[in-house]
Amino acid sequence: MSSSETEWLSQAQQGDEEAFSILVNTYQNQVYNLCYRMLGDPVEAEDAAQESFWRAYQAIQKYDQERSFITWLLSIAAHYCIDQIRKRHMMVLPLDILPEAEAPDSGPGPESYTAHRELQAQVQQLLEHLNSQDRAAVVMRYWYDFSDEEIAESLSLTVSAVKSRLHRARKELATLWQGQQTGNAQPARRYHEIPVF
């Protein structure tokens, strides 16, 4: 945590709304991206990100500066998104990243971009089979590089439960991936070779 972030957090905990606004501006993309990957809809993701920041603002007095702020903040967002998924009884996790990052760069040609998008769609279909907590754990691990301990802290699970969930999710994804690839007459991959975007 940088010294300026520590200062903003301290000021925010003392009721400084400007300092909290700086924190929002600093982390809004990360919170929005998590919500978007979990909920699959840009409007819902925007609402969820705003709600997450509102909840963080209300609980900022309870925040322990010994913890990683981004872990704490993303855990609030993940829990909110899990609740939303449970409410609508749907499991959607598009792998699309923010629109400005979706466009291909000047390097790869249209064939490469199309193949990449098709692969994203295949992985998205696979992830839709995971329950909301497993999906959150997968997103935190493979998109945010969270450790087992950080995922456990974020999702209010034990480290062994996180390891178990990730193992089970990878195994389920591998089985589904192999089934898709067999149907496409392509060689099946081991679960650790499933592409993650």
Protein backbone atom coordinates (compact mmCIF):
# COMPACT_ATOMS: atom_id res chain seq x y z
CA MET A 1 0.00 0.00 0.00
CA SER A 2 1.46 3.35 -0.98
CA SER A 3 1.89 6.13 1.56
CA SER A 4 -0.63 8.29 -0.31
CA GLU A 5 -3.19 5.46 -0.21
CA THR A 6 -2.60 5.04 3.50
CA GLU A 7 -3.12 8.76 3.96
CA TRP A 8 -6.35 8.74 1.91
CA LEU A 9 -7.64 5.78 3.93
CA SER A 10 -6.87 7.51 7.20
CA GLN A 11 -8.58 10.67 6.04
CA ALA A 12 -11.58 8.72 4.75
CA GLN A 13 -11.90 6.96 8.09
CA GLN A 14 -12.04 10.39 9.73
CA GLY A 15 -14.97 11.34 7.51
CA ASP A 16 -13.15 13.09 4.65
CA GLU A 17 -15.43 12.53 1.65
CA GLU A 18 -12.85 13.97 -0.76
CA ALA A 19 -10.31 11.33 0.32
CA PHE A 20 -12.90 8.60 -0.20
CA SER A 21 -13.64 10.01 -3.66
CA ILE A 22 -9.96 9.66 -4.51
CA LEU A 23 -10.12 6.00 -3.45
CA VAL A 24 -13.21 5.50 -5.62
CA ASN A 25 -11.43 7.04 -8.63
CA THR A 26 -8.37 4.87 -7.97
CA TYR A 27 -10.24 1.56 -7.74
CA GLN A 28 -13.42 2.03 -9.77
CA ASN A 29 -12.18 0.10 -12.81
CA GLN A 30 -11.11 -2.92 -10.75
CA VAL A 31 -14.43 -3.02 -8.87
CA TYR A 32 -16.44 -2.54 -12.07
CA ASN A 33 -14.47 -5.28 -13.88
CA LEU A 34 -15.11 -7.78 -11.09
CA CYS A 35 -18.84 -6.94 -11.07
CA TYR A 36 -19.02 -7.13 -14.86
CA ARG A 37 -17.32 -10.53 -15.00
CA MET A 38 -19.62 -11.89 -12.34
CA LEU A 39 -22.93 -10.35 -13.46
CA GLY A 40 -22.42 -10.18 -17.21
CA ASP A 41 -24.34 -6.98 -17.81
CA PRO A 42 -22.73 -3.52 -17.96
CA VAL A 43 -25.70 -1.74 -16.38
CA GLU A 44 -25.96 -4.27 -13.54
CA ALA A 45 -22.18 -4.10 -13.08
CA GLU A 46 -22.28 -0.32 -12.81
CA ASP A 47 -25.07 -0.52 -10.22
CA ALA A 48 -23.19 -3.22 -8.32
CA ALA A 49 -19.96 -1.20 -8.34
CA GLN A 50 -21.80 1.85 -7.00
CA GLU A 51 -23.48 -0.25 -4.32
CA SER A 52 -20.11 -1.79 -3.40
CA PHE A 53 -18.53 1.62 -2.96
CA TRP A 54 -21.54 2.78 -0.95
CA ARG A 55 -21.19 -0.23 1.35
CA ALA A 56 -17.45 0.38 1.64
CA TYR A 57 -18.11 4.02 2.53
CA GLN A 58 -20.59 2.98 5.22
CA ALA A 59 -18.12 0.44 6.66
CA ILE A 60 -14.89 2.46 6.24
CA GLN A 61 -14.67 3.00 10.02
CA LYS A 62 -14.41 -0.78 10.47
CA TYR A 63 -11.69 -1.19 7.82
CA ASP A 64 -8.44 -2.49 9.33
CA GLN A 65 -5.46 -0.86 7.61
CA GLU A 66 -3.43 -4.00 8.24
CA ARG A 67 -5.50 -5.65 5.51
CA SER A 68 -5.09 -4.97 1.81
CA PHE A 69 -7.62 -2.30 0.88
CA ILE A 70 -8.25 -3.72 -2.60
CA THR A 71 -8.86 -7.20 -1.14
CA TRP A 72 -11.34 -5.72 1.33
CA LEU A 73 -13.05 -3.68 -1.38
CA LEU A 74 -13.27 -6.53 -3.89
CA SER A 75 -14.65 -8.83 -1.19
CA ILE A 76 -17.51 -6.37 -0.67
CA ALA A 77 -18.15 -6.34 -4.42
CA ALA A 78 -17.89 -10.13 -4.74
CA HIS A 79 -20.36 -10.74 -1.91
CA TYR A 80 -22.82 -8.27 -3.39
CA CYS A 81 -22.55 -9.91 -6.83
CA ILE A 82 -22.98 -13.40 -5.35
CA ASP A 83 -26.17 -12.19 -3.66
CA GLN A 84 -27.42 -10.72 -6.95
CA ILE A 85 -26.70 -13.97 -8.82
CA ARG A 86 -28.52 -15.98 -6.18
CA LYS A 87 -31.50 -13.64 -6.39
CA ARG A 88 -31.94 -14.06 -10.11
CA HIS A 89 -31.06 -17.79 -10.13
CA MET A 90 -28.81 -17.32 -13.11
CA MET A 91 -25.12 -17.91 -13.47
CA VAL A 92 -23.63 -15.64 -16.08
CA LEU A 93 -19.96 -14.69 -16.34
CA PRO A 94 -18.98 -13.10 -19.61
CA LEU A 95 -15.28 -12.97 -20.15
CA ASP A 96 -15.47 -9.81 -22.19
CA ILE A 97 -13.33 -7.07 -20.78
CA LEU A 98 -14.25 -3.42 -20.86
CA PRO A 99 -15.21 -2.22 -24.35
CA GLU A 100 -12.12 -0.09 -24.88
CA ALA A 101 -9.95 -3.12 -24.10
CA GLU A 102 -11.99 -5.45 -26.33
CA ALA A 103 -10.90 -3.96 -29.63
CA PRO A 104 -7.97 -5.76 -31.19
CA ASP A 105 -4.71 -3.89 -31.25
CA SER A 106 -3.02 -3.08 -34.52
CA GLY A 107 -0.96 -6.29 -34.37
CA PRO A 108 -3.26 -9.31 -34.85
CA GLY A 109 -5.41 -9.64 -37.92
CA PRO A 110 -9.15 -10.29 -38.07
CA GLU A 111 -8.74 -14.07 -38.13
CA SER A 112 -6.75 -14.00 -34.91
CA TYR A 113 -9.26 -11.69 -33.26
CA THR A 114 -12.20 -13.86 -34.34
CA ALA A 115 -10.50 -17.01 -33.04
CA HIS A 116 -9.81 -15.25 -29.73
CA ARG A 117 -13.46 -14.17 -29.40
CA GLU A 118 -14.69 -17.70 -30.18
CA LEU A 119 -12.37 -19.09 -27.52
CA GLN A 120 -13.68 -16.51 -25.03
CA ALA A 121 -17.24 -17.57 -25.81
CA GLN A 122 -16.34 -21.23 -25.21
CA VAL A 123 -14.73 -20.45 -21.84
CA GLN A 124 -17.71 -18.26 -20.91
CA GLN A 125 -20.07 -21.16 -21.55
CA LEU A 126 -17.97 -23.35 -19.30
CA LEU A 127 -17.90 -20.87 -16.44
CA GLU A 128 -21.68 -20.52 -16.51
CA HIS A 129 -21.82 -24.05 -15.06
CA LEU A 130 -20.03 -23.03 -11.84
CA ASN A 131 -21.91 -21.92 -8.76
CA SER A 132 -21.51 -18.27 -7.75
CA GLN A 133 -18.86 -18.79 -5.04
CA ASP A 134 -16.75 -21.07 -7.24
CA ARG A 135 -17.04 -18.52 -10.02
CA ALA A 136 -15.95 -15.71 -7.70
CA ALA A 137 -12.95 -17.77 -6.57
CA VAL A 138 -11.97 -18.50 -10.19
CA VAL A 139 -12.30 -14.83 -11.17
CA MET A 140 -10.25 -13.68 -8.19
CA ARG A 141 -7.53 -16.25 -8.86
CA TYR A 142 -7.20 -16.00 -12.63
CA TRP A 143 -8.12 -12.38 -13.29
CA TYR A 144 -6.81 -10.71 -10.13
CA ASP A 145 -4.06 -13.17 -9.13
CA PHE A 146 -5.38 -13.36 -5.57
CA SER A 147 -3.68 -15.86 -3.31
CA ASP A 148 -5.66 -18.62 -1.57
CA GLU A 149 -5.50 -16.55 1.62
CA GLU A 150 -6.84 -13.42 -0.09
CA ILE A 151 -9.69 -15.36 -1.71
CA ALA A 152 -10.52 -16.98 1.63
CA GLU A 153 -10.58 -13.58 3.31
CA SER A 154 -12.68 -12.06 0.52
CA LEU A 155 -15.28 -14.84 0.42
CA SER A 156 -15.34 -15.62 4.16
CA LEU A 157 -14.05 -19.15 3.59
CA THR A 158 -11.19 -21.16 4.99
CA VAL A 159 -8.05 -21.55 2.89
CA SER A 160 -8.73 -25.28 2.58
CA ALA A 161 -12.26 -24.54 1.35
CA VAL A 162 -10.83 -22.19 -1.29
CA LYS A 163 -8.34 -24.83 -2.43
CA SER A 164 -11.14 -27.39 -2.58
CA ARG A 165 -13.42 -25.04 -4.53
CA LEU A 166 -10.69 -24.13 -7.02
CA HIS A 167 -9.74 -27.78 -7.48
CA ARG A 168 -13.35 -28.82 -8.00
CA ALA A 169 -13.98 -25.89 -10.36
CA ARG A 170 -10.87 -26.66 -12.45
CA LYS A 171 -11.86 -30.34 -12.62
CA GLU A 172 -15.41 -29.47 -13.68
CA LEU A 173 -14.13 -26.98 -16.25
CA ALA A 174 -11.64 -29.54 -17.58
CA THR A 175 -14.36 -32.15 -18.06
CA LEU A 176 -16.59 -29.65 -19.82
CA TRP A 177 -13.67 -28.34 -21.91
CA GLN A 178 -12.75 -31.86 -23.01
CA GLY A 179 -16.35 -32.52 -23.97
CA GLN A 180 -16.45 -29.34 -26.06
CA GLN A 181 -13.14 -30.08 -27.73
CA THR A 182 -14.07 -33.70 -28.49
CA GLY A 183 -17.21 -32.43 -30.14
CA ASN A 184 -15.07 -30.05 -32.19
CA ALA A 185 -12.61 -32.81 -33.15
CA GLN A 186 -9.77 -30.98 -31.40
CA PRO A 187 -7.43 -32.58 -28.89
CA ALA A 188 -8.58 -32.24 -25.29
CA ARG A 189 -6.46 -30.19 -22.91
CA ARG A 190 -5.65 -30.79 -19.30
CA TYR A 191 -7.49 -28.51 -16.88
CA HIS A 192 -4.48 -26.30 -16.27
CA GLU A 193 -4.33 -25.58 -20.00
CA ILE A 194 -7.83 -24.11 -20.25
CA PRO A 195 -7.35 -20.55 -21.50
CA VAL A 196 -8.23 -17.76 -19.12
CA PHE A 197 -8.66 -14.23 -20.41
